[in-house]
Amino acid sequence: MWRLRLMGAVRGAAPPSSTFRVCHETRVSPIVRPLSSADKQVPYPVPKRIVDKLVCGALLLLLAPFVVLVLVAVAVDVLFARRDRGSVLYREPRVSRGRTFELLKFRTLRTDALAEMWRTGGHARLYEADAANLTWAGRRVLKPWYLDEVPQLLNVLRGDISLVGPRPWPPEMVERQVAQGQDYRQHVMAGLTGAAQVTKGGGVPYADLDREYVERCRTLRSWALVRYDLELLVRTVGVIARGEGLNY
């Protein structure tokens, strides 16, 4: 009878809470740890870094006469147009591989438009779309030939961005994109140009092109990725030469 009572007690009684808690925690302990932020980082291989620096240095030498032209145009502009006066360069916060840095550009916006942009928390792309916000030099010299982007070669030399990759976006836009479930800009090195910038008329969403490039970064061997980068750079030159304009 003692055995029957004991078995009935065991069957009918709930296990002690402490015992249940230990068993429960042991059962759900993860076998494979979740991906950390470091695990999701997209490779930036050494050959790509080296080619970035070499090509960037060569471009700075080749573009030196155009930089002189820009400085002359800006000097003439500020001499005759008071509202266009201001600094030659300006900096705007952007995100590359999850890190915020200061993107360098030749200033194309009038000082009052730039002040309004800072006050409202906007970014240059939206204001540059309105020609009324542009300086004379910005409208006639810098924007038509993308010369305002030349200082970003210094960002490449500093290691802020690569020559090729998804364009660096302002932090606010990156936050909205992450909220939509797309966080690749937090893990990949941003670029001066990329597949999304040179694809014209294909109707493919920029995010799909960016993700395709990210996948190439993960799967291609280092030198294969370098060859693909050089192909995109050549296509970028073609788009600019044809005056088609680069996609954002």
Protein backbone atom coordinates (compact mmCIF):
# COMPACT_ATOMS: atom_id res chain seq x y z
CA MET A 1 0.00 0.00 0.00
CA TRP A 2 2.86 2.33 0.74
CA ARG A 3 4.18 1.80 -2.85
CA LEU A 4 0.71 2.53 -4.31
CA ARG A 5 0.35 5.76 -2.32
CA LEU A 6 3.84 6.93 -3.31
CA MET A 7 3.25 6.26 -7.01
CA GLY A 8 -0.06 8.08 -6.87
CA ALA A 9 1.58 11.05 -5.22
CA VAL A 10 4.28 11.15 -7.87
CA ARG A 11 1.73 10.98 -10.70
CA GLY A 12 -0.60 13.59 -9.27
CA ALA A 13 1.82 16.13 -7.86
CA ALA A 14 3.24 19.03 -9.85
CA PRO A 15 7.04 19.17 -9.85
CA PRO A 16 8.63 21.77 -7.57
CA SER A 17 8.97 25.14 -9.31
CA SER A 18 12.75 25.27 -8.88
CA THR A 19 13.17 21.81 -10.45
CA PHE A 20 10.87 22.72 -13.32
CA ARG A 21 12.77 25.94 -13.97
CA VAL A 22 16.12 24.16 -14.25
CA CYS A 23 14.75 21.52 -16.62
CA HIS A 24 13.03 24.15 -18.75
CA GLU A 25 16.17 26.25 -19.12
CA THR A 26 18.26 23.21 -19.99
CA ARG A 27 15.81 22.12 -22.69
CA VAL A 28 15.80 25.43 -24.59
CA SER A 29 19.50 26.22 -24.27
CA PRO A 30 20.62 27.16 -27.83
CA ILE A 31 22.94 24.70 -29.54
CA VAL A 32 24.14 27.32 -32.04
CA ARG A 33 24.66 30.87 -30.84
CA PRO A 34 22.77 33.61 -32.76
CA LEU A 35 24.64 35.72 -35.26
CA SER A 36 26.35 38.68 -33.66
CA SER A 37 26.93 41.99 -35.37
CA ALA A 38 30.52 40.96 -36.07
CA ASP A 39 29.32 37.77 -37.79
CA LYS A 40 27.15 39.80 -40.18
CA GLN A 41 29.96 42.13 -41.27
CA VAL A 42 30.51 41.97 -45.03
CA PRO A 43 34.16 41.28 -45.94
CA TYR A 44 36.34 44.15 -47.14
CA PRO A 45 39.27 42.10 -48.48
CA VAL A 46 42.84 43.37 -48.66
CA PRO A 47 43.02 43.37 -52.52
CA LYS A 48 39.92 45.56 -52.66
CA ARG A 49 41.44 47.93 -50.08
CA ILE A 50 44.70 48.15 -52.06
CA VAL A 51 42.95 48.77 -55.39
CA ASP A 52 40.75 51.41 -53.74
CA LYS A 53 43.82 53.35 -52.60
CA LEU A 54 45.73 52.96 -55.89
CA VAL A 55 42.82 53.91 -58.17
CA CYS A 56 41.83 56.73 -55.82
CA GLY A 57 45.33 58.21 -55.90
CA ALA A 58 45.44 57.99 -59.69
CA LEU A 59 42.03 59.67 -59.99
CA LEU A 60 43.13 62.53 -57.74
CA LEU A 61 46.11 63.16 -60.01
CA LEU A 62 44.01 62.97 -63.17
CA LEU A 63 41.30 65.21 -61.75
CA ALA A 64 43.69 67.84 -60.37
CA PRO A 65 43.11 70.22 -63.36
CA PHE A 66 39.35 69.94 -62.81
CA VAL A 67 39.78 70.75 -59.14
CA VAL A 68 41.60 73.93 -60.17
CA LEU A 69 38.69 74.69 -62.52
CA VAL A 70 36.26 74.21 -59.65
CA LEU A 71 38.21 76.58 -57.41
CA VAL A 72 38.31 79.24 -60.13
CA ALA A 73 34.56 78.87 -60.77
CA VAL A 74 33.79 79.14 -57.06
CA ALA A 75 36.03 82.22 -56.71
CA VAL A 76 34.25 83.96 -59.61
CA ASP A 77 30.88 82.94 -58.19
CA VAL A 78 31.44 84.36 -54.70
CA LEU A 79 32.97 87.51 -56.20
CA PHE A 80 29.79 88.44 -58.08
CA ALA A 81 27.00 86.64 -56.19
CA ARG A 82 26.81 87.59 -52.52
CA ARG A 83 24.22 84.94 -51.64
CA ASP A 84 26.51 82.20 -52.99
CA ARG A 85 29.32 83.03 -50.59
CA GLY A 86 30.43 80.44 -48.07
CA SER A 87 32.87 77.61 -47.56
CA VAL A 88 34.20 75.68 -50.55
CA LEU A 89 33.66 72.31 -48.87
CA TYR A 90 30.93 71.07 -46.63
CA ARG A 91 30.50 67.94 -44.54
CA GLU A 92 27.40 65.82 -44.10
CA PRO A 93 26.99 62.86 -41.69
CA ARG A 94 26.61 59.54 -43.52
CA VAL A 95 26.77 55.86 -42.55
CA SER A 96 29.25 53.26 -43.79
CA ARG A 97 29.44 49.77 -42.30
CA GLY A 98 27.41 50.91 -39.31
CA ARG A 99 29.72 53.83 -38.54
CA THR A 100 28.79 57.50 -38.94
CA PHE A 101 31.40 59.65 -40.68
CA GLU A 102 31.57 63.07 -42.37
CA LEU A 103 31.12 62.87 -46.14
CA LEU A 104 33.07 65.57 -48.00
CA LYS A 105 31.64 67.46 -50.98
CA PHE A 106 32.21 70.69 -52.82
CA ARG A 107 29.41 72.96 -51.67
CA THR A 108 26.68 73.33 -54.28
CA LEU A 109 23.94 74.79 -52.07
CA ARG A 110 23.53 78.46 -51.24
CA THR A 111 24.28 79.33 -47.62
CA ASP A 112 20.62 80.02 -46.78
CA ALA A 113 19.49 76.72 -48.31
CA LEU A 114 22.22 74.91 -46.39
CA ALA A 115 21.16 76.59 -43.13
CA GLU A 116 17.55 75.56 -43.72
CA MET A 117 18.67 72.00 -44.43
CA TRP A 118 20.50 71.79 -41.09
CA ARG A 119 17.56 73.38 -39.26
CA THR A 120 14.97 70.97 -40.67
CA GLY A 121 17.15 67.89 -40.44
CA GLY A 122 17.06 67.29 -44.20
CA HIS A 123 19.88 66.14 -46.42
CA ALA A 124 21.58 67.59 -49.48
CA ARG A 125 20.06 65.29 -52.10
CA LEU A 126 16.55 66.69 -51.59
CA TYR A 127 17.68 70.32 -51.64
CA GLU A 128 19.97 69.86 -54.65
CA ALA A 129 16.99 68.66 -56.69
CA ASP A 130 15.72 72.27 -56.68
CA ALA A 131 17.94 74.39 -58.94
CA ALA A 132 16.89 77.52 -57.02
CA ASN A 133 18.88 76.24 -54.03
CA LEU A 134 22.10 75.85 -56.01
CA THR A 135 24.93 78.32 -56.33
CA TRP A 136 25.92 79.46 -59.82
CA ALA A 137 29.05 77.27 -59.68
CA GLY A 138 27.00 74.35 -58.42
CA ARG A 139 24.42 74.71 -61.17
CA ARG A 140 26.83 75.38 -64.07
CA VAL A 141 29.99 73.48 -63.20
CA LEU A 142 29.72 71.10 -60.27
CA LYS A 143 26.43 69.22 -60.64
CA PRO A 144 26.42 68.64 -64.45
CA TRP A 145 29.76 66.80 -64.27
CA TYR A 146 29.52 65.42 -60.72
CA LEU A 147 32.60 67.40 -59.73
CA ASP A 148 31.02 68.07 -56.33
CA GLU A 149 31.69 64.40 -55.53
CA VAL A 150 35.47 64.60 -56.10
CA PRO A 151 36.35 65.32 -52.42
CA GLN A 152 34.85 61.93 -51.56
CA LEU A 153 38.05 60.44 -52.96
CA LEU A 154 39.59 61.72 -49.71
CA ASN A 155 36.96 59.71 -47.83
CA VAL A 156 38.15 56.65 -49.74
CA LEU A 157 41.79 57.35 -48.83
CA ARG A 158 40.78 57.79 -45.18
CA GLY A 159 39.00 54.43 -45.21
CA ASP A 160 35.52 55.85 -44.63
CA ILE A 161 34.13 54.34 -47.85
CA SER A 162 35.21 52.19 -50.77
CA LEU A 163 35.19 53.16 -54.44
CA VAL A 164 32.36 50.67 -55.06
CA GLY A 165 29.49 49.78 -52.74
CA PRO A 166 26.00 50.94 -51.74
CA ARG A 167 25.94 54.72 -51.48
CA PRO A 168 26.40 56.12 -47.95
CA TRP A 169 23.08 57.38 -46.66
CA PRO A 170 22.31 59.87 -43.87
CA PRO A 171 21.69 58.21 -40.47
CA GLU A 172 17.97 59.04 -40.51
CA MET A 173 17.44 57.26 -43.83
CA VAL A 174 19.47 54.26 -42.67
CA GLU A 175 17.33 54.03 -39.51
CA ARG A 176 14.15 53.99 -41.60
CA GLN A 177 15.60 51.31 -43.87
CA VAL A 178 16.62 49.17 -40.87
CA ALA A 179 13.09 49.54 -39.46
CA GLN A 180 11.85 48.06 -42.75
CA GLY A 181 14.03 45.01 -42.19
CA GLN A 182 16.96 45.95 -44.44
CA ASP A 183 20.11 46.42 -42.40
CA TYR A 184 22.81 45.73 -45.00
CA ARG A 185 24.11 49.31 -44.77
CA GLN A 186 25.08 48.53 -41.18
CA HIS A 187 27.42 45.76 -42.32
CA VAL A 188 28.85 46.66 -45.74
CA MET A 189 31.39 49.32 -46.69
CA ALA A 190 29.61 52.14 -48.52
CA GLY A 191 30.91 53.25 -51.90
CA LEU A 192 31.42 56.20 -54.20
CA THR A 193 29.42 54.38 -56.87
CA GLY A 194 27.75 51.01 -57.28
CA ALA A 195 25.42 48.83 -59.29
CA ALA A 196 22.39 50.86 -58.18
CA GLN A 197 24.01 54.08 -59.47
CA VAL A 198 24.90 52.87 -62.97
CA THR A 199 21.75 50.88 -63.75
CA LYS A 200 19.53 53.03 -65.92
CA GLY A 201 16.02 52.22 -67.05
CA GLY A 202 16.04 48.63 -65.77
CA GLY A 203 13.23 49.16 -63.30
CA VAL A 204 15.09 47.11 -60.65
CA PRO A 205 14.72 48.53 -57.11
CA TYR A 206 17.98 49.99 -55.78
CA ALA A 207 17.78 47.80 -52.66
CA ASP A 208 17.76 44.64 -54.79
CA LEU A 209 20.88 45.83 -56.63
CA ASP A 210 22.56 46.75 -53.34
CA ARG A 211 21.77 43.34 -51.83
CA GLU A 212 23.07 41.62 -54.96
CA TYR A 213 26.36 43.47 -54.54
CA VAL A 214 26.49 42.54 -50.85
CA GLU A 215 26.02 38.89 -51.83
CA ARG A 216 28.89 39.19 -54.31
CA CYS A 217 31.07 40.57 -51.53
CA ARG A 218 30.26 37.51 -49.42
CA THR A 219 30.70 34.87 -52.13
CA LEU A 220 33.28 36.09 -54.67
CA ARG A 221 36.98 35.58 -54.17
CA SER A 222 38.95 38.76 -53.49
CA TRP A 223 40.30 39.35 -56.99
CA ALA A 224 37.01 38.38 -58.64
CA LEU A 225 35.35 41.07 -56.54
CA VAL A 226 38.05 43.56 -57.60
CA ARG A 227 37.37 42.77 -61.28
CA TYR A 228 33.66 43.35 -60.74
CA ASP A 229 34.40 46.66 -58.98
CA LEU A 230 36.54 47.81 -61.91
CA GLU A 231 33.72 46.90 -64.29
CA LEU A 232 31.31 49.08 -62.31
CA LEU A 233 33.82 51.95 -62.28
CA VAL A 234 34.10 51.79 -66.09
CA ARG A 235 30.31 51.78 -66.38
CA THR A 236 30.18 54.80 -64.07
CA VAL A 237 32.51 56.74 -66.36
CA GLY A 238 30.28 55.83 -69.31
CA VAL A 239 27.13 57.03 -67.56
CA ILE A 240 28.76 60.37 -66.67
CA ALA A 241 30.21 60.81 -70.18
CA ARG A 242 26.76 60.26 -71.71
CA GLY A 243 25.24 62.78 -69.31
CA GLU A 244 22.63 60.30 -68.12
CA GLY A 245 22.98 61.05 -64.45
CA LEU A 246 23.63 58.58 -61.66
CA ASN A 247 20.83 57.01 -59.65
CA TYR A 248 20.83 57.69 -55.91
